[in-house]
Amino acid sequence: QLQIVESGGGLAEPGGSLRLSCAVSGFAGFGLDQFAFTWFRQAPGKEREGVSCISISGGRTMFADSVTGRFTISRDNTKNMVYLQMNSLTPEDTAVYYCAADFRGPYDNVREVCTLREDRMDYWGRGTQVTVSA
C-alpha cells in the first residue's frame, strides 16, 4: 500500500510563497517512476480541484488556470519526493492541499502523461493546510 505524506503547509501572507512536499513510500515492488502525481486542493465549502500534475519523466506538467504562472511542480524520483512551489499566493489559494498518485506502470508510452482528474488517482495523502492571510 502506497503511503503519501504531505508537508510544508502553513500560514503565508498574500504575495508570499510556500513549498509543499509529498513524501511517498511503500511501493511494494513498484517505484516512484511508475506513478504520475497530482496536487489537488479543497477550500472550505468548495469541491476539490486539481491544481497541478507531473508525469513520470517530469517532462510533462499541467496547471489549473488559477495557478498558472505562479505554481511550479517538480519531482525527485531518487528521493521519492514530489514538490509544489507556490508563489504570489492570494487568499483564494487557502485550502487543504492533497498529493495523489496516479499509477501508470513501467511502459514507455505513459512516461509523459499526467492528469488533473480526481477519478484517475489511485492513492491519496491526508493533506496539508495552506492559509493565506494578512
Foldseek 3Di string as FASTA:
>chain_A
DKAKAKDFADEAAQQAKIKMKIAIDDPPPDFLLQKKKWKWWDDPPGDIWTAKIAFSVRPAMDGDPVQPPFWDKGDDRVRRMIMIIGGNDDQVPWTWMKMFIQGHGDDPVRRRDDDGDPVRTDDIHPTDTHGYHD
